[in-house]
Amino acid sequence: MDKQFRILQFIMLTLSLSLLNCSRAFNVFQQDDYPASELNAPELANKILVASRYSDFKEAVNEKLKEMFNDQPVYIKFIGLSNIENEDVKKYNAIIIINQCMGKQMDPAVTNFLNNYDDHNKIIVVTTSGAGGYKPEWEGRQFDVISSASKKAKVDEVTDQIAEKVNSLIN
């Protein structure tokens, strides 16, 4: 009986530590924020907010977005994902959130934002994951989702998908 109890204790401890590690993964391995920048004049009628973490892939996607929208009458503000709660998001026609998946969960900053902001119709969530197949489960989800592996060969494909969704929101 004593041996069975110890085995059960070991299993419970192992499960508890596994859950604790998954919930802390973002605290340990969280990517830095993308540096703030702007494209075109803020007075333009169409406005896009891009809130992003930083990685080589995410930087390439953001730089490609700048190229695609440079000559269009649209203002784009790029901010770090940690700063999205400080932004007046109601003034934007489209909100692009670029984050990573860890432990089959979105970045906590994304989850917090989605919980606190009701107008999901103008939100595009881009999530990178190992294989690229992760799509967040969100009851009653009304935001668009794009999923990709963080591979340079996917930059054009992901950026084209983002641009298509953005154009449907600003045109």
C-alpha atoms as a PDB file:
ATOM      1  CA  MET A   1       0.000   0.000   0.000  1.00  0.00           C
ATOM      2  CA  ASP A   2       2.819   2.411   0.925  1.00  0.00           C
ATOM      3  CA  LYS A   3       4.517   1.772  -2.438  1.00  0.00           C
ATOM      4  CA  GLN A   4       1.295   2.511  -4.361  1.00  0.00           C
ATOM      5  CA  PHE A   5       0.854   5.763  -2.432  1.00  0.00           C
ATOM      6  CA  ARG A   6       4.417   6.857  -3.291  1.00  0.00           C
ATOM      7  CA  ILE A   7       3.853   6.054  -6.962  1.00  0.00           C
ATOM      8  CA  LEU A   8       0.652   8.094  -6.911  1.00  0.00           C
ATOM      9  CA  GLN A   9       2.479  10.984  -5.209  1.00  0.00           C
ATOM     10  CA  PHE A  10       5.218  10.845  -7.840  1.00  0.00           C
ATOM     11  CA  ILE A  11       2.681  10.901 -10.674  1.00  0.00           C
ATOM     12  CA  MET A  12       0.803  13.836  -9.129  1.00  0.00           C
ATOM     13  CA  LEU A  13       4.040  15.779  -8.570  1.00  0.00           C
ATOM     14  CA  THR A  14       5.178  15.128 -12.144  1.00  0.00           C
ATOM     15  CA  LEU A  15       1.845  16.293 -13.570  1.00  0.00           C
ATOM     16  CA  SER A  16       1.841  19.390 -11.378  1.00  0.00           C
ATOM     17  CA  LEU A  17       5.361  20.360 -12.438  1.00  0.00           C
ATOM     18  CA  SER A  18       4.508  19.791 -16.104  1.00  0.00           C
ATOM     19  CA  LEU A  19       1.499  22.098 -15.900  1.00  0.00           C
ATOM     20  CA  LEU A  20       3.526  24.698 -14.020  1.00  0.00           C
ATOM     21  CA  ASN A  21       6.277  24.609 -16.627  1.00  0.00           C
ATOM     22  CA  CYS A  22       3.808  25.022 -19.509  1.00  0.00           C
ATOM     23  CA  SER A  23       2.224  28.050 -17.900  1.00  0.00           C
ATOM     24  CA  ARG A  24       5.629  29.622 -17.238  1.00  0.00           C
ATOM     25  CA  ALA A  25       7.036  28.950 -20.706  1.00  0.00           C
ATOM     26  CA  PHE A  26       6.107  32.436 -21.920  1.00  0.00           C
ATOM     27  CA  ASN A  27       7.839  34.025 -18.949  1.00  0.00           C
ATOM     28  CA  VAL A  28      11.067  32.184 -19.706  1.00  0.00           C
ATOM     29  CA  PHE A  29      11.045  32.019 -23.518  1.00  0.00           C
ATOM     30  CA  GLN A  30       8.984  35.067 -24.468  1.00  0.00           C
ATOM     31  CA  GLN A  31      10.256  36.839 -27.538  1.00  0.00           C
ATOM     32  CA  ASP A  32      11.161  40.504 -27.388  1.00  0.00           C
ATOM     33  CA  ASP A  33       8.771  43.097 -28.748  1.00  0.00           C
ATOM     34  CA  TYR A  34       9.037  44.373 -32.297  1.00  0.00           C
ATOM     35  CA  PRO A  35      10.422  47.931 -32.294  1.00  0.00           C
ATOM     36  CA  ALA A  36       7.924  50.754 -32.758  1.00  0.00           C
ATOM     37  CA  SER A  37       7.735  52.487 -36.134  1.00  0.00           C
ATOM     38  CA  GLU A  38       5.223  54.112 -38.467  1.00  0.00           C
ATOM     39  CA  LEU A  39       4.486  54.054 -42.170  1.00  0.00           C
ATOM     40  CA  ASN A  40       2.797  56.986 -43.926  1.00  0.00           C
ATOM     41  CA  ALA A  41       0.886  59.872 -42.361  1.00  0.00           C
ATOM     42  CA  PRO A  42      -1.310  59.280 -39.296  1.00  0.00           C
ATOM     43  CA  GLU A  43      -3.895  61.688 -40.764  1.00  0.00           C
ATOM     44  CA  LEU A  44      -4.885  59.163 -43.437  1.00  0.00           C
ATOM     45  CA  ALA A  45      -8.399  57.746 -43.098  1.00  0.00           C
ATOM     46  CA  ASN A  46      -7.369  54.082 -43.232  1.00  0.00           C
ATOM     47  CA  LYS A  47      -5.310  52.987 -40.265  1.00  0.00           C
ATOM     48  CA  ILE A  48      -3.703  49.651 -39.423  1.00  0.00           C
ATOM     49  CA  LEU A  49      -2.140  48.641 -36.137  1.00  0.00           C
ATOM     50  CA  VAL A  50       0.480  45.885 -36.116  1.00  0.00           C
ATOM     51  CA  ALA A  51       1.367  44.563 -32.652  1.00  0.00           C
ATOM     52  CA  SER A  52       4.160  42.045 -32.887  1.00  0.00           C
ATOM     53  CA  ARG A  53       6.805  40.060 -31.104  1.00  0.00           C
ATOM     54  CA  TYR A  54      10.288  40.019 -32.615  1.00  0.00           C
ATOM     55  CA  SER A  55      11.992  37.197 -34.465  1.00  0.00           C
ATOM     56  CA  ASP A  56      13.756  37.056 -37.823  1.00  0.00           C
ATOM     57  CA  PHE A  57      10.578  35.675 -39.388  1.00  0.00           C
ATOM     58  CA  LYS A  58       8.297  38.271 -37.802  1.00  0.00           C
ATOM     59  CA  GLU A  59      10.661  41.053 -38.824  1.00  0.00           C
ATOM     60  CA  ALA A  60      10.624  39.791 -42.416  1.00  0.00           C
ATOM     61  CA  VAL A  61       6.801  39.707 -42.397  1.00  0.00           C
ATOM     62  CA  ASN A  62       6.608  43.252 -41.004  1.00  0.00           C
ATOM     63  CA  GLU A  63       9.165  44.564 -43.491  1.00  0.00           C
ATOM     64  CA  LYS A  64       7.239  42.939 -46.345  1.00  0.00           C
ATOM     65  CA  LEU A  65       4.028  44.579 -45.074  1.00  0.00           C
ATOM     66  CA  LYS A  66       5.818  47.936 -45.169  1.00  0.00           C
ATOM     67  CA  GLU A  67       6.826  47.303 -48.788  1.00  0.00           C
ATOM     68  CA  MET A  68       3.305  46.239 -49.795  1.00  0.00           C
ATOM     69  CA  PHE A  69       1.522  49.209 -48.216  1.00  0.00           C
ATOM     70  CA  ASN A  70       4.173  51.897 -48.728  1.00  0.00           C
ATOM     71  CA  ASP A  71       2.476  53.495 -51.738  1.00  0.00           C
ATOM     72  CA  GLN A  72      -1.088  53.002 -50.527  1.00  0.00           C
ATOM     73  CA  PRO A  73      -3.163  55.635 -48.702  1.00  0.00           C
ATOM     74  CA  VAL A  74      -2.980  53.814 -45.387  1.00  0.00           C
ATOM     75  CA  TYR A  75      -1.258  54.633 -42.122  1.00  0.00           C
ATOM     76  CA  ILE A  76       0.400  51.705 -40.333  1.00  0.00           C
ATOM     77  CA  LYS A  77       1.660  51.823 -36.784  1.00  0.00           C
ATOM     78  CA  PHE A  78       3.967  49.035 -35.634  1.00  0.00           C
ATOM     79  CA  ILE A  79       4.261  48.427 -31.895  1.00  0.00           C
ATOM     80  CA  GLY A  80       5.550  45.731 -29.602  1.00  0.00           C
ATOM     81  CA  LEU A  81       2.874  43.278 -28.547  1.00  0.00           C
ATOM     82  CA  SER A  82       3.372  44.185 -24.873  1.00  0.00           C
ATOM     83  CA  ASN A  83       2.166  47.717 -25.670  1.00  0.00           C
ATOM     84  CA  ILE A  84      -1.161  46.798 -27.268  1.00  0.00           C
ATOM     85  CA  GLU A  85      -3.069  47.434 -24.022  1.00  0.00           C
ATOM     86  CA  ASN A  86      -1.843  51.059 -24.069  1.00  0.00           C
ATOM     87  CA  GLU A  87      -3.024  51.728 -27.614  1.00  0.00           C
ATOM     88  CA  ASP A  88      -6.379  53.294 -28.568  1.00  0.00           C
ATOM     89  CA  VAL A  89      -7.306  50.428 -30.896  1.00  0.00           C
ATOM     90  CA  LYS A  90     -10.745  51.795 -31.750  1.00  0.00           C
ATOM     91  CA  LYS A  91      -9.225  54.262 -34.221  1.00  0.00           C
ATOM     92  CA  TYR A  92      -7.835  51.478 -36.427  1.00  0.00           C
ATOM     93  CA  ASN A  93      -9.609  49.789 -39.352  1.00  0.00           C
ATOM     94  CA  ALA A  94      -7.531  46.640 -38.939  1.00  0.00           C
ATOM     95  CA  ILE A  95      -5.471  45.197 -36.099  1.00  0.00           C
ATOM     96  CA  ILE A  96      -2.787  42.628 -36.885  1.00  0.00           C
ATOM     97  CA  ILE A  97      -1.368  40.688 -33.957  1.00  0.00           C
ATOM     98  CA  ILE A  98       1.755  38.637 -34.639  1.00  0.00           C
ATOM     99  CA  ASN A  99       2.699  36.216 -31.874  1.00  0.00           C
ATOM    100  CA  GLN A 100       4.046  32.768 -31.153  1.00  0.00           C
ATOM    101  CA  CYS A 101       2.427  29.633 -29.810  1.00  0.00           C
ATOM    102  CA  MET A 102       4.016  27.867 -26.863  1.00  0.00           C
ATOM    103  CA  GLY A 103       2.543  24.849 -25.141  1.00  0.00           C
ATOM    104  CA  LYS A 104      -0.462  25.055 -27.501  1.00  0.00           C
ATOM    105  CA  GLN A 105      -1.330  28.504 -26.161  1.00  0.00           C
ATOM    106  CA  MET A 106      -1.269  31.981 -27.611  1.00  0.00           C
ATOM    107  CA  ASP A 107       0.917  34.624 -26.072  1.00  0.00           C
ATOM    108  CA  PRO A 108      -0.762  35.818 -22.833  1.00  0.00           C
ATOM    109  CA  ALA A 109      -0.734  39.414 -24.148  1.00  0.00           C
ATOM    110  CA  VAL A 110      -2.935  38.279 -27.062  1.00  0.00           C
ATOM    111  CA  THR A 111      -5.299  36.390 -24.789  1.00  0.00           C
ATOM    112  CA  ASN A 112      -5.621  39.407 -22.483  1.00  0.00           C
ATOM    113  CA  PHE A 113      -6.268  41.731 -25.405  1.00  0.00           C
ATOM    114  CA  LEU A 114      -8.912  39.482 -26.953  1.00  0.00           C
ATOM    115  CA  ASN A 115     -10.623  39.123 -23.579  1.00  0.00           C
ATOM    116  CA  ASN A 116     -10.737  42.902 -23.077  1.00  0.00           C
ATOM    117  CA  TYR A 117     -11.611  44.070 -26.608  1.00  0.00           C
ATOM    118  CA  ASP A 118     -15.001  43.203 -28.061  1.00  0.00           C
ATOM    119  CA  ASP A 119     -14.715  44.119 -31.752  1.00  0.00           C
ATOM    120  CA  HIS A 120     -12.948  40.988 -33.009  1.00  0.00           C
ATOM    121  CA  ASN A 121     -14.177  41.542 -36.589  1.00  0.00           C
ATOM    122  CA  LYS A 122     -11.211  43.750 -37.454  1.00  0.00           C
ATOM    123  CA  ILE A 123      -8.555  41.571 -35.822  1.00  0.00           C
ATOM    124  CA  ILE A 124      -6.141  39.279 -37.639  1.00  0.00           C
ATOM    125  CA  VAL A 125      -4.120  36.979 -35.376  1.00  0.00           C
ATOM    126  CA  VAL A 126      -0.948  35.571 -36.917  1.00  0.00           C
ATOM    127  CA  THR A 127       0.510  32.779 -34.833  1.00  0.00           C
ATOM    128  CA  THR A 128       3.796  31.025 -35.465  1.00  0.00           C
ATOM    129  CA  SER A 129       4.362  27.523 -34.189  1.00  0.00           C
ATOM    130  CA  GLY A 130       6.815  24.712 -34.811  1.00  0.00           C
ATOM    131  CA  ALA A 131       4.936  23.031 -37.646  1.00  0.00           C
ATOM    132  CA  GLY A 132       2.727  26.000 -38.424  1.00  0.00           C
ATOM    133  CA  GLY A 133      -0.630  24.336 -37.879  1.00  0.00           C
ATOM    134  CA  TYR A 134      -1.675  25.923 -34.589  1.00  0.00           C
ATOM    135  CA  LYS A 135      -4.914  27.896 -34.671  1.00  0.00           C
ATOM    136  CA  PRO A 136      -6.221  29.249 -31.395  1.00  0.00           C
ATOM    137  CA  GLU A 137      -9.438  27.795 -30.091  1.00  0.00           C
ATOM    138  CA  TRP A 138     -11.707  30.620 -29.038  1.00  0.00           C
ATOM    139  CA  GLU A 139     -15.367  30.107 -28.402  1.00  0.00           C
ATOM    140  CA  GLY A 140     -17.382  32.318 -30.726  1.00  0.00           C
ATOM    141  CA  ARG A 141     -14.193  33.393 -32.511  1.00  0.00           C
ATOM    142  CA  GLN A 142     -14.821  36.274 -34.885  1.00  0.00           C
ATOM    143  CA  PHE A 143     -11.219  37.214 -35.628  1.00  0.00           C
ATOM    144  CA  ASP A 144      -9.238  35.906 -38.594  1.00  0.00           C
ATOM    145  CA  VAL A 145      -6.399  33.488 -37.938  1.00  0.00           C
ATOM    146  CA  ILE A 146      -3.264  32.813 -39.941  1.00  0.00           C
ATOM    147  CA  SER A 147      -0.876  30.099 -38.814  1.00  0.00           C
ATOM    148  CA  SER A 148       2.637  29.434 -40.041  1.00  0.00           C
ATOM    149  CA  ALA A 149       5.951  27.939 -39.157  1.00  0.00           C
ATOM    150  CA  SER A 150       8.669  30.573 -38.700  1.00  0.00           C
ATOM    151  CA  LYS A 151      10.407  29.793 -41.966  1.00  0.00           C
ATOM    152  CA  LYS A 152      11.734  32.459 -44.319  1.00  0.00           C
ATOM    153  CA  ALA A 153      10.237  30.563 -47.257  1.00  0.00           C
ATOM    154  CA  LYS A 154       6.764  31.251 -45.784  1.00  0.00           C
ATOM    155  CA  VAL A 155       7.142  35.054 -45.502  1.00  0.00           C
ATOM    156  CA  ASP A 156       5.531  35.887 -48.862  1.00  0.00           C
ATOM    157  CA  GLU A 157       2.663  33.441 -48.343  1.00  0.00           C
ATOM    158  CA  VAL A 158       1.871  34.759 -44.862  1.00  0.00           C
ATOM    159  CA  THR A 159       2.198  38.389 -45.906  1.00  0.00           C
ATOM    160  CA  ASP A 160      -0.093  37.842 -48.891  1.00  0.00           C
ATOM    161  CA  GLN A 161      -2.717  36.293 -46.579  1.00  0.00           C
ATOM    162  CA  ILE A 162      -2.445  39.230 -44.188  1.00  0.00           C
ATOM    163  CA  ALA A 163      -2.704  41.770 -47.025  1.00  0.00           C
ATOM    164  CA  GLU A 164      -5.803  40.043 -48.442  1.00  0.00           C
ATOM    165  CA  LYS A 165      -7.555  40.168 -45.066  1.00  0.00           C
ATOM    166  CA  VAL A 166      -6.456  43.768 -44.411  1.00  0.00           C
ATOM    167  CA  ASN A 167      -7.656  44.913 -47.830  1.00  0.00           C
ATOM    168  CA  SER A 168     -11.082  43.440 -47.144  1.00  0.00           C
ATOM    169  CA  LEU A 169     -11.242  45.551 -43.963  1.00  0.00           C
ATOM    170  CA  ILE A 170     -10.028  48.875 -45.405  1.00  0.00           C
ATOM    171  CA  ASN A 171     -11.659  48.821 -48.851  1.00  0.00           C
END
